[in-house]
Protein backbone atom coordinates (compact mmCIF):
# COMPACT_ATOMS: atom_id res chain seq x y z
CA MET A 1 108.32 113.85 128.59
CA ALA A 2 108.36 115.46 132.05
CA ALA A 3 110.60 118.28 130.86
CA ALA A 4 108.40 118.93 127.87
CA LEU A 5 105.32 119.06 130.06
CA GLU A 6 107.00 121.66 132.22
CA VAL A 7 107.55 123.80 129.11
CA GLU A 8 103.87 123.48 128.27
CA LYS A 9 103.03 124.36 131.84
CA GLY A 10 105.16 127.46 131.61
CA GLN A 11 103.47 128.55 128.41
CA GLU A 12 100.10 128.45 130.12
CA SER A 13 101.21 130.07 133.39
CA PHE A 14 100.44 133.59 132.17
CA LEU A 15 96.71 132.80 132.24
CA SER A 16 96.61 133.74 135.89
CA ALA A 17 99.15 136.54 135.71
CA GLY A 18 98.48 140.27 135.87
CA PRO A 19 95.79 142.36 137.55
CA GLU A 20 92.17 141.31 137.35
CA ASP A 21 90.08 143.50 134.99
CA PRO A 22 86.28 143.61 135.09
CA LYS A 23 85.05 140.77 132.92
CA VAL A 24 82.39 140.94 130.22
CA PRO A 25 79.49 138.47 130.29
CA ARG A 26 79.76 135.95 127.47
CA SER A 27 76.65 135.28 125.42
CA ALA A 28 75.46 131.69 125.85
CA GLY A 29 74.52 131.44 122.18
CA GLN A 30 77.69 133.04 120.85
CA SER A 31 79.80 130.83 118.57
CA TRP A 32 83.05 131.50 120.44
CA VAL A 33 84.11 128.02 121.47
CA GLU A 34 85.69 126.91 118.17
CA LEU A 35 87.53 130.20 117.68
CA GLU A 36 89.08 130.06 121.14
CA THR A 37 90.10 126.42 120.68
CA TYR A 38 92.31 127.10 117.66
CA MET A 39 93.53 130.66 118.16
CA PRO A 40 97.09 131.36 119.39
CA ARG A 41 97.59 130.82 123.10
CA ASP A 42 98.19 134.48 123.92
CA GLU A 43 95.00 135.56 122.17
CA ALA A 44 93.01 132.74 123.82
CA ALA A 45 94.34 133.90 127.18
CA LYS A 46 93.17 137.46 126.49
CA MET A 47 89.70 136.19 125.63
CA GLU A 48 89.63 134.07 128.79
CA GLN A 49 90.63 137.10 130.87
CA LYS A 50 88.10 139.34 129.08
CA TYR A 51 84.99 137.24 129.58
CA GLU A 52 83.21 135.86 132.62
CA LYS A 53 82.85 132.11 132.90
CA ILE A 54 79.47 130.76 131.83
CA GLY A 55 77.13 128.31 133.51
CA THR A 56 76.03 124.83 132.56
CA THR A 57 73.12 126.03 130.43
CA GLY A 58 75.32 128.52 128.57
CA THR A 59 77.89 125.81 127.85
CA ALA A 60 75.16 123.47 126.61
CA MET A 61 73.85 126.23 124.33
CA SER A 62 77.36 126.71 122.90
CA PHE A 63 77.57 122.99 122.13
CA ILE A 64 74.13 123.08 120.48
CA THR A 65 75.03 126.02 118.23
CA MET A 66 78.25 124.28 117.23
CA MET A 67 76.49 121.00 116.38
CA PHE A 68 73.65 122.60 114.40
CA GLY A 69 75.14 122.92 110.93
CA ALA A 70 75.07 122.08 107.26
CA GLY A 71 74.90 118.33 107.88
CA VAL A 72 71.21 118.58 108.80
CA LEU A 73 70.43 119.51 105.18
CA ALA A 74 71.40 115.95 104.21
CA PHE A 75 69.46 114.17 106.98
CA PRO A 76 66.13 113.90 105.05
CA LYS A 77 67.98 112.15 102.20
CA LYS A 78 69.48 109.60 104.56
CA PHE A 79 66.08 109.08 106.21
CA SER A 80 64.74 108.29 102.74
CA VAL A 81 67.37 105.55 102.46
CA VAL A 82 66.87 103.87 105.86
CA GLY A 83 63.25 104.81 106.65
CA MET A 84 61.77 106.70 109.59
CA PRO A 85 62.08 104.09 112.39
CA MET A 86 65.69 103.22 111.61
CA GLY A 87 66.55 106.86 110.88
CA ILE A 88 65.24 108.06 114.24
CA GLY A 89 66.95 105.13 115.95
CA MET A 90 70.28 105.79 114.23
CA VAL A 91 70.19 109.51 115.08
CA THR A 92 69.50 108.57 118.70
CA VAL A 93 72.34 106.01 118.78
CA ALA A 94 74.72 108.52 117.15
CA GLY A 95 73.77 111.06 119.83
CA LEU A 96 74.27 108.56 122.67
CA MET A 97 77.62 107.48 121.25
CA SER A 98 78.68 111.12 120.97
CA ILE A 99 77.71 111.71 124.62
CA TYR A 100 79.92 108.82 125.69
CA LEU A 101 82.86 109.93 123.55
CA CYS A 102 82.62 113.58 124.65
CA CYS A 103 82.44 112.50 128.31
CA THR A 104 85.41 110.19 127.69
CA MET A 105 87.40 113.15 126.37
CA ASN A 106 86.26 115.30 129.28
CA GLN A 107 87.44 112.66 131.75
CA ALA A 108 90.77 112.31 129.96
CA ILE A 109 91.37 116.08 130.04
CA SER A 110 90.54 116.17 133.74
CA ARG A 111 92.98 113.34 134.48
CA VAL A 112 95.81 114.92 132.48
CA GLN A 113 95.31 118.35 134.05
CA LYS A 114 95.33 116.92 137.58
CA ARG A 115 98.37 114.75 136.87
CA THR A 116 100.52 117.31 135.03
CA GLY A 117 99.14 120.73 135.96
CA MET A 118 98.78 121.58 132.25
CA ARG A 119 96.00 123.87 131.02
CA LEU A 120 94.89 122.18 127.84
CA GLN A 121 93.73 124.34 124.94
CA GLY A 122 93.08 121.72 122.27
CA LEU A 123 93.28 118.09 121.29
CA ASP A 124 96.93 118.40 120.28
CA ASP A 125 97.83 119.18 123.91
CA ILE A 126 96.20 116.02 125.22
CA GLY A 127 97.63 114.03 122.30
CA PHE A 128 101.08 115.20 123.43
CA ALA A 129 100.35 114.44 127.09
CA CYS A 130 99.28 110.88 126.29
CA TYR A 131 101.48 109.91 123.33
CA GLY A 132 104.26 112.51 123.14
CA ASN A 133 105.26 114.35 119.98
CA ALA A 134 103.91 111.55 117.76
CA GLY A 135 100.48 111.97 119.36
CA ARG A 136 100.58 115.72 118.84
CA LEU A 137 101.59 115.30 115.18
CA VAL A 138 98.81 112.80 114.47
CA VAL A 139 96.18 114.96 116.15
CA ARG A 140 97.28 118.10 114.33
CA SER A 141 97.32 116.26 111.00
CA ILE A 142 93.77 115.02 111.54
CA ILE A 143 92.54 118.46 112.61
CA ASN A 144 94.22 120.32 109.74
CA SER A 145 92.90 117.83 107.16
CA PHE A 146 89.44 118.04 108.70
CA LEU A 147 89.40 121.86 108.52
CA VAL A 148 90.53 121.88 104.86
CA ALA A 149 87.82 119.37 103.94
CA LYS A 150 85.24 121.29 105.97
CA VAL A 151 85.96 124.57 104.16
CA SER A 152 85.84 122.79 100.78
CA VAL A 153 82.41 121.29 101.53
CA TYR A 154 81.20 124.69 102.74
CA ILE A 155 82.33 126.32 99.50
CA VAL A 156 80.42 123.70 97.49
CA LEU A 157 77.30 124.17 99.60
CA SER A 158 77.37 127.98 99.64
CA SER A 159 77.91 128.15 95.86
CA GLN A 160 75.04 125.73 95.18
CA ASN A 161 72.71 127.79 97.35
CA LEU A 162 73.83 131.07 95.76
CA THR A 163 73.03 129.51 92.39
CA PHE A 164 69.58 128.61 93.74
CA ILE A 165 69.02 132.24 94.75
CA MET A 166 70.44 133.84 91.61
CA SER A 167 71.89 132.47 88.40
CA PRO A 168 73.81 133.71 86.48
CA PRO A 169 76.52 133.58 87.69
CA ALA A 170 76.64 129.82 87.37
CA TYR A 171 77.87 127.57 90.20
CA ARG A 172 81.57 127.93 89.35
CA GLY A 173 81.22 131.69 88.98
CA TRP A 174 80.02 131.85 92.57
CA VAL A 175 82.97 129.64 93.64
CA ILE A 176 85.39 132.16 92.09
CA ILE A 177 83.57 135.14 93.65
CA GLY A 178 83.63 133.44 97.04
CA SER A 179 87.31 132.63 96.65
CA ALA A 180 88.11 136.29 95.99
CA VAL A 181 86.18 137.32 99.11
CA PHE A 182 87.85 134.74 101.33
CA ILE A 183 91.34 135.55 100.02
CA SER A 184 90.71 139.20 100.91
CA MET A 185 89.80 138.06 104.45
CA ALA A 186 92.74 135.68 104.72
CA PHE A 187 94.96 138.27 106.36
CA VAL A 188 92.76 138.87 109.40
CA LYS A 189 95.20 138.23 112.24
CA SER A 190 92.84 138.90 115.15
CA ALA A 191 89.73 136.99 116.11
CA SER A 192 87.98 140.04 117.59
CA MET A 193 86.14 140.95 114.39
CA LEU A 194 85.20 137.34 113.68
CA GLU A 195 84.01 136.97 117.27
CA LYS A 196 81.67 139.96 116.87
CA ILE A 197 79.95 138.55 113.77
CA SER A 198 79.91 134.91 114.89
CA PHE A 199 76.43 135.27 116.41
CA VAL A 200 75.07 135.56 112.83
CA SER A 201 75.99 131.94 112.10
CA VAL A 202 74.22 130.84 115.28
CA VAL A 203 70.97 132.58 114.30
CA CYS A 204 71.09 131.21 110.74
CA SER A 205 71.80 127.64 111.87
CA VAL A 206 68.75 127.67 114.13
CA CYS A 207 66.69 129.14 111.26
CA TYR A 208 67.43 126.08 109.07
CA PHE A 209 64.66 124.13 110.77
CA PHE A 210 61.76 126.49 110.02
CA PRO A 211 61.91 126.38 106.19
CA ILE A 212 62.71 122.64 106.25
CA ILE A 213 59.59 121.90 108.29
CA GLY A 214 57.41 124.45 106.47
CA ALA A 215 58.40 123.28 102.98
CA SER A 216 58.02 119.62 103.95
CA LEU A 217 54.47 120.21 105.20
CA TYR A 218 53.61 122.03 101.98
CA ALA A 219 55.17 119.32 99.81
CA HIS A 220 53.34 116.52 101.61
CA PHE A 221 49.90 118.10 101.22
CA GLU A 222 50.22 119.50 97.70
CA GLU A 223 48.17 117.84 94.96
CA ASP A 224 51.03 115.96 93.29
CA SER A 225 53.02 115.30 96.43
CA PRO A 226 56.47 113.75 95.80
CA SER A 227 55.93 111.60 98.90
CA ALA A 228 52.68 110.02 97.66
CA GLY A 229 52.89 106.24 97.90
CA CYS A 230 56.29 106.35 99.56
CA ASP A 231 57.36 103.56 101.92
CA PHE A 232 58.19 105.57 105.03
CA TRP A 233 58.90 102.60 107.28
CA LYS A 234 61.17 100.41 105.11
CA MET A 235 59.77 97.39 106.92
CA ASN A 236 57.75 94.26 106.20
CA ALA A 237 56.76 91.15 108.13
CA GLY A 238 60.32 89.91 107.95
CA GLY A 239 61.85 93.05 109.43
CA PHE A 240 63.66 96.01 107.91
CA THR A 241 64.09 96.13 104.14
CA VAL A 242 67.06 98.52 104.19
CA PRO A 243 70.07 97.14 102.24
CA SER A 244 72.82 96.30 104.72
CA GLN A 245 75.42 98.22 102.70
CA GLU A 246 73.46 101.44 103.28
CA ILE A 247 73.46 101.30 107.08
CA PHE A 248 77.03 102.39 107.90
CA PRO A 249 77.14 105.20 105.28
CA ALA A 250 73.87 106.63 106.63
CA PHE A 251 75.05 106.32 110.23
CA THR A 252 78.29 108.11 109.31
CA ILE A 253 76.32 111.16 108.12
CA PHE A 254 74.37 111.18 111.39
CA VAL A 255 77.62 111.02 113.37
CA LEU A 256 78.73 114.16 111.49
CA GLY A 257 75.95 116.12 113.20
CA PHE A 258 77.35 115.55 116.69
CA GLY A 259 80.71 115.26 118.42
CA PRO A 260 82.03 118.62 119.67
CA VAL A 261 85.03 116.62 120.91
CA GLU A 262 87.69 119.09 119.75
CA VAL A 263 86.33 121.96 121.86
CA ILE A 264 85.85 120.12 125.17
CA ALA A 265 89.08 121.54 126.63
CA THR A 266 88.04 125.11 125.78
CA ALA A 267 84.56 124.60 127.20
CA ARG A 268 86.06 123.21 130.44
CA ARG A 269 88.16 126.34 130.87
CA ASN A 270 85.15 128.61 130.46
CA ILE A 271 82.48 126.81 132.48
CA VAL A 272 81.86 127.94 136.07
CA ASP A 273 81.99 124.40 137.48
CA GLU A 274 84.03 121.83 135.54
CA ASN A 275 82.20 119.04 137.36
CA ARG A 276 79.02 120.10 135.52
CA MET A 277 80.47 119.39 132.08
CA PRO A 278 78.68 116.00 131.74
CA GLN A 279 75.33 117.72 132.32
CA ALA A 280 76.13 120.30 129.61
CA ILE A 281 77.17 117.54 127.20
CA ILE A 282 74.08 115.40 127.86
CA GLY A 283 71.63 118.31 127.77
CA SER A 284 72.98 119.69 124.50
CA HIS A 285 72.82 116.27 122.85
CA ILE A 286 69.23 115.62 123.94
CA VAL A 287 68.10 118.87 122.29
CA THR A 288 70.17 118.18 119.17
CA VAL A 289 68.88 114.61 118.78
CA PHE A 290 65.29 115.88 118.95
CA PHE A 291 65.73 118.54 116.25
CA TYR A 292 67.83 116.31 113.99
CA ALA A 293 65.25 113.50 114.16
CA LEU A 294 62.47 116.02 113.54
CA ALA A 295 64.20 117.57 110.51
CA GLY A 296 65.12 114.20 109.00
CA ALA A 297 61.70 112.60 109.54
CA VAL A 298 59.62 115.61 108.45
CA GLY A 299 61.84 116.25 105.42
CA PHE A 300 61.47 112.65 104.28
CA TRP A 301 57.71 112.70 105.04
CA GLY A 302 57.30 115.80 102.88
CA PHE A 303 59.49 115.04 99.88
CA GLY A 304 59.67 111.25 99.97
CA GLU A 305 62.47 109.40 98.24
CA ALA A 306 62.80 112.24 95.71
CA VAL A 307 64.38 114.50 98.36
CA ASP A 308 67.74 115.93 97.29
CA GLY A 309 71.00 115.48 99.20
CA ASP A 310 70.72 119.21 99.94
CA ILE A 311 67.03 119.57 100.77
CA THR A 312 67.09 123.19 99.55
CA GLN A 313 67.30 121.93 95.97
CA SER A 314 64.01 120.03 96.46
CA MET A 315 62.08 123.21 97.24
CA ARG A 316 60.98 123.92 93.69
CA ASN A 317 58.65 122.83 90.92
CA GLY A 318 60.92 122.82 87.88
CA ASP A 319 62.18 126.39 87.53
CA ASP A 320 59.54 127.69 89.94
CA LYS A 321 61.41 128.01 93.23
CA TRP A 322 59.56 128.17 96.53
CA LEU A 323 59.78 131.03 99.01
CA THR A 324 60.90 128.56 101.69
CA GLY A 325 63.70 127.49 99.35
CA TYR A 326 64.88 131.07 99.00
CA GLY A 327 64.68 131.49 102.78
CA LEU A 328 66.67 128.34 103.52
CA ALA A 329 69.24 129.10 100.81
CA ALA A 330 69.68 132.62 102.20
CA ALA A 331 70.14 131.26 105.74
CA VAL A 332 72.73 128.75 104.48
CA VAL A 333 74.65 131.39 102.52
CA VAL A 334 74.70 133.98 105.32
CA ASN A 335 75.71 131.31 107.82
CA LEU A 336 78.58 130.07 105.64
CA VAL A 337 79.79 133.56 104.70
CA VAL A 338 80.44 133.98 108.43
CA THR A 339 81.46 130.38 109.20
CA ILE A 340 84.00 129.93 106.39
CA PRO A 341 86.25 132.83 107.54
CA ILE A 342 86.01 131.56 111.14
CA THR A 343 86.96 128.03 110.05
CA LEU A 344 89.78 129.40 107.86
CA TYR A 345 91.07 131.42 110.82
CA CYS A 346 91.08 128.24 112.92
CA LEU A 347 92.95 126.45 110.13
CA TYR A 348 95.54 129.22 109.72
CA SER A 349 96.14 129.28 113.48
CA SER A 350 96.47 125.50 113.62
CA LEU A 351 98.91 125.43 110.68
CA GLU A 352 101.00 128.23 112.16
CA VAL A 353 101.43 126.15 115.31
CA THR A 354 102.18 123.01 113.27
CA LEU A 355 104.65 124.63 110.84
CA GLY A 356 106.37 126.90 113.36
CA LYS A 357 107.58 130.45 112.86
CA MET A 358 107.20 131.73 109.29
CA SER A 359 108.18 134.93 107.53
CA PRO A 360 105.31 137.32 106.66
CA ALA A 361 105.61 136.37 102.99
CA ALA A 362 105.50 132.63 103.75
CA ASN A 363 102.54 133.12 106.08
CA ALA A 364 100.64 135.05 103.41
CA ALA A 365 101.45 132.39 100.81
CA MET A 366 100.19 129.67 103.17
CA ARG A 367 96.89 131.48 103.73
CA VAL A 368 96.24 132.17 100.05
CA SER A 369 97.26 128.62 99.08
CA ILE A 370 94.73 127.13 101.52
CA VAL A 371 91.89 129.18 100.01
CA LEU A 372 93.00 128.27 96.47
CA LEU A 373 93.19 124.57 97.37
CA CYS A 374 89.64 124.64 98.72
CA THR A 375 88.53 126.58 95.63
CA VAL A 376 90.00 123.97 93.27
CA ILE A 377 88.17 121.22 95.18
CA GLY A 378 84.96 123.22 94.87
CA LEU A 379 85.47 123.71 91.13
CA LEU A 380 86.23 120.05 90.41
CA LEU A 381 83.77 118.35 92.80
CA PRO A 382 80.45 120.25 92.83
CA TYR A 383 78.68 117.35 94.57
CA PHE A 384 77.55 118.30 98.07
CA MET A 385 76.22 114.94 99.25
CA GLN A 386 79.22 112.93 98.07
CA CYS A 387 81.71 115.47 99.48
CA LEU A 388 79.82 115.44 102.79
CA GLU A 389 80.02 111.63 102.90
CA ILE A 390 83.79 111.74 102.31
CA LEU A 391 84.19 114.39 105.03
CA SER A 392 82.15 112.28 107.45
CA ALA A 393 83.98 109.01 106.86
CA ALA A 394 87.55 110.22 106.33
CA MET A 395 87.68 113.09 108.85
CA ILE A 396 84.83 112.98 111.37
CA VAL A 397 85.25 109.30 112.26
CA PRO A 398 88.95 109.65 113.21
CA LEU A 399 88.34 112.96 115.00
CA SER A 400 85.13 112.17 116.89
CA ILE A 401 85.41 108.39 117.39
CA PHE A 402 88.98 107.13 117.13
CA LEU A 403 90.72 109.93 119.07
CA PRO A 404 88.56 109.72 122.23
CA LEU A 405 88.81 105.92 122.16
CA ALA A 406 92.62 106.14 121.90
CA ILE A 407 93.11 108.93 124.44
CA GLY A 408 90.61 107.81 127.12
CA PRO A 409 92.18 104.48 128.17
CA LYS A 410 95.75 105.86 127.84
CA SER A 411 95.00 108.76 130.18
CA ALA A 412 93.36 106.36 132.64
CA HIS A 413 96.37 104.01 132.51
CA ASP A 414 98.81 106.89 133.04
CA ASP A 415 96.71 108.04 135.99
CA GLY A 416 96.92 104.61 137.61
CA THR A 417 93.20 103.87 137.18
CA PRO A 418 92.98 101.60 134.11
CA TYR A 419 89.65 100.78 132.49
CA SER A 420 87.60 97.82 133.71
CA TRP A 421 87.23 94.86 131.38
CA SER A 422 83.59 95.74 130.75
CA ARG A 423 84.53 99.25 129.61
CA ILE A 424 87.32 97.88 127.43
CA ALA A 425 84.79 95.53 125.80
CA PHE A 426 82.37 98.43 125.23
CA ASP A 427 85.14 100.51 123.66
CA LEU A 428 86.01 97.61 121.36
CA VAL A 429 82.41 97.64 120.11
CA LEU A 430 82.73 101.36 119.37
CA TRP A 431 86.05 100.75 117.59
CA ALA A 432 84.25 98.18 115.39
CA ILE A 433 81.44 100.67 114.64
CA GLY A 434 84.04 103.33 113.86
CA PHE A 435 85.91 101.10 111.42
CA GLY A 436 82.61 100.13 109.78
CA CYS A 437 81.75 103.81 109.33
CA PHE A 438 85.23 104.60 108.03
CA PHE A 439 85.56 101.83 105.45
CA MET A 440 81.93 101.38 104.41
CA GLY A 441 81.36 105.15 104.48
CA MET A 442 84.39 105.82 102.29
CA TYR A 443 83.47 103.02 99.88
CA SER A 444 79.91 104.33 99.56
CA ALA A 445 81.06 107.95 99.16
CA ILE A 446 83.60 107.13 96.44
CA ASP A 447 81.16 104.81 94.66
CA GLY A 448 78.47 107.50 94.82
CA LEU A 449 80.91 110.11 93.54
CA LYS A 450 81.81 107.87 90.58
CA ARG A 451 78.12 107.35 89.75
CA GLU A 452 77.38 111.05 89.99
CA MET A 453 80.33 111.94 87.75
CA LYS A 454 79.19 109.32 85.22
CA GLU A 455 75.60 110.61 85.21
CA ASN A 456 76.67 114.24 85.19
CA PRO A 457 80.08 114.39 83.45
CA ASP A 458 79.80 118.15 82.91
CA GLY A 459 79.74 118.60 86.68
CA ALA A 460 83.34 117.43 87.06
CA ASN A 461 84.54 119.31 83.97
CA PRO A 462 85.13 122.94 84.92
CA PHE A 463 85.33 123.96 81.25
CA ALA A 464 82.12 122.30 80.03
CA LYS A 465 79.83 125.25 80.77
CA PRO A 466 80.23 129.04 81.18
CA TRP A 467 81.10 130.16 84.68
CA PHE A 468 79.32 133.49 84.51
């Protein structure tokens, strides 16, 4: 292990080599943190040398822009399941849990760097430092699976929203068009172009909230409001009336909205004062909890229990689509047209590290195959809510809950400062919550997918309807 760590140390030593060039200020709202986490080490080093470090507020803003995403479109639906009081409470608990897990990862990275002298770029580095090659393999497998699932869900969502804006082409026609575009972009080997356009996704993500709130207000006050007579509280004299089997699946979706765990190492390298990382983590989560609770509560208040899993699809009266629906769909599409190539780039870079050196032909085949795999998933499973639930339970829970809980105590033990019994007990509670989210979330997602396929058999049959 010691010898291997020295190799890793050597690979990172060039970060401080060479003459100092004038550095460019980095935009606080720029979506750079995920790109730099997954890109090759030499390219990440160039970016680190190019840009100035950013302050606590800038780092918090980067976390916020990373957390704001497509998951918020599903929050009103989950609020309609658990009610406003429990929904707001669950979003708050998910945010607090994410703060603890992100701070746990931050502490673990600090311990490993002080003990070994390594400069950690991603979770696979700390997985290796704590558990050797097996740890690195597990972490890379989780990350690669997560990125494939993430792109697949994004393709489903973008195609559904393109269909909302303009149809024909039908949903699957848009999937094919998107696939052709993303295959053409699969051979981008540098992140510089993606970095320049990444600010677009930040702007669009923030813009999600305006049409959600505006359309919800309109829906609530219209003459035949879908929320009329709705039970917003899900409570009676005996307590909450929410079915117990719905609690973990809903909480799993809320967990999806947080947890920038995989980019903590990158953020640490780029913040002016590493000791201020907890403040950046806490501040970003407070803002995110507020807007998530607002979007979920107002969306449920406006559309009631009739709200769709993708709230965009609720912004219509039959075939008469609302202007806010067009605005939100356009923001989603523009955001994902930028985000999908960035996520694919991260996936390609991660797979290149995992698979080792490849010939140009093999590398090209790998890139095209990934896009085609995600396209096939999009063609066969055009169900956003169910796909999002599977992503949350199967990928987010291991990445954002299990990994920090496994790495934190191991790094503390290796550092000679093992956890106290009270912290071990608290972590065991979080392990139990994580397993509940994983198993109950997966069961609910698969059961919901079966029901949706039974109610809409044409949806899972790519040959049932014309594509264009």
